Amino acid sequence: MESKGTERINEQGAVETKVETVDYQSPAGEDKDPRLEKVGVVHLRRDDGRSGNKGGVLAGAAAAVANTFKSAKNAIVGSGKDDAAK
């Protein structure tokens, strides 16, 4: 399998890596030779503050879920801020 790739910075400032390669496809349930199909894959890496040591998109989603649970808990049992006034 022979692959080749190029890397550049696109108009939005993201690193764009293009890879040209070959996909081998075998027809299901048939004794035929695999077909070769040329394919291209583009990988985009954006440095927008959501990557690196900050944890990325999943860390942001986990933080949002934690905040939602905390808000729900505070709504049910009270946040403690108004306890002195009661």
Protein backbone atom coordinates (compact mmCIF):
# COMPACT_ATOMS: atom_id res chain seq x y z
CA MET A 1 0.00 0.00 0.00
CA GLU A 2 1.45 3.31 -1.04
CA SER A 3 0.31 6.53 0.61
CA LYS A 4 1.47 10.09 0.26
CA GLY A 5 0.50 13.20 2.12
CA THR A 6 0.84 16.96 2.19
CA GLU A 7 0.46 19.43 5.02
CA ARG A 8 -0.52 23.11 4.87
CA ILE A 9 -2.20 25.88 6.84
CA ASN A 10 -5.69 26.53 5.43
CA GLU A 11 -7.59 29.85 5.24
CA GLN A 12 -9.03 29.41 8.76
CA GLY A 13 -5.57 28.85 10.25
CA ALA A 14 -6.00 25.11 10.85
CA VAL A 15 -3.28 22.62 9.96
CA GLU A 16 -4.67 20.54 7.09
CA THR A 17 -3.04 17.19 6.30
CA LYS A 18 -4.19 15.52 3.08
CA VAL A 19 -3.41 11.83 2.59
CA GLU A 20 -3.86 10.05 -0.72
CA THR A 21 -4.06 6.27 -0.33
CA VAL A 22 -5.76 3.13 -1.63
CA ASP A 23 -8.78 1.34 -0.14
CA TYR A 24 -9.05 -2.40 -0.71
CA GLN A 25 -12.69 -3.55 -0.94
CA SER A 26 -13.71 -7.20 -1.05
CA PRO A 27 -17.26 -8.02 -2.17
CA ALA A 28 -19.16 -9.68 0.69
CA GLY A 29 -19.91 -13.37 0.24
CA GLU A 30 -18.11 -13.64 -3.09
CA ASP A 31 -14.80 -15.26 -3.99
CA LYS A 32 -13.53 -12.35 -6.01
CA ASP A 33 -10.31 -10.41 -5.80
CA PRO A 34 -10.42 -7.19 -3.79
CA ARG A 35 -11.10 -4.01 -5.73
CA LEU A 36 -8.70 -1.12 -5.36
CA GLU A 37 -10.17 2.35 -4.97
CA LYS A 38 -8.15 5.54 -4.62
CA VAL A 39 -9.28 7.61 -1.64
CA GLY A 40 -8.28 10.88 -0.06
CA VAL A 41 -8.47 11.70 3.64
CA VAL A 42 -8.20 15.20 5.14
CA HIS A 43 -7.20 15.67 8.78
CA LEU A 44 -7.79 19.11 10.37
CA ARG A 45 -6.01 20.19 13.54
CA ARG A 46 -7.29 23.42 15.02
CA ASP A 47 -5.43 25.27 17.75
CA ASP A 48 -8.37 27.17 19.19
CA GLY A 49 -7.79 26.69 22.90
CA ARG A 50 -9.85 23.50 23.08
CA SER A 51 -6.83 21.27 22.62
CA GLY A 52 -3.61 20.51 24.45
CA ASN A 53 -3.42 20.33 28.22
CA LYS A 54 -6.92 21.72 28.68
CA GLY A 55 -8.56 18.41 27.76
CA GLY A 56 -10.35 19.38 24.56
CA VAL A 57 -14.01 18.99 23.73
CA LEU A 58 -14.63 16.02 26.05
CA ALA A 59 -13.28 17.88 29.07
CA GLY A 60 -15.57 20.80 28.26
CA ALA A 61 -18.53 18.44 27.96
CA ALA A 62 -17.65 16.74 31.25
CA ALA A 63 -17.43 20.13 32.98
CA ALA A 64 -20.83 21.11 31.56
CA VAL A 65 -22.39 17.88 32.87
CA ALA A 66 -20.82 18.42 36.30
CA ASN A 67 -22.18 21.98 36.42
CA THR A 68 -25.64 20.74 35.42
CA PHE A 69 -25.64 18.15 38.23
CA LYS A 70 -24.43 20.75 40.72
CA SER A 71 -27.19 23.16 39.67
CA ALA A 72 -29.83 20.43 39.94
CA LYS A 73 -28.58 19.43 43.39
CA ASN A 74 -28.60 23.04 44.54
CA ALA A 75 -32.15 23.48 43.24
CA ILE A 76 -33.34 20.42 45.18
CA VAL A 77 -31.48 20.73 48.49
CA GLY A 78 -30.54 24.40 48.43
CA SER A 79 -27.18 25.94 47.79
CA GLY A 80 -26.56 27.09 51.35
CA LYS A 81 -26.52 30.77 50.42
CA ASP A 82 -30.03 31.49 51.68
CA ASP A 83 -29.94 29.17 54.74
CA ALA A 84 -29.03 32.01 57.13
CA ALA A 85 -32.02 34.07 55.99
CA LYS A 86 -34.53 31.27 56.69
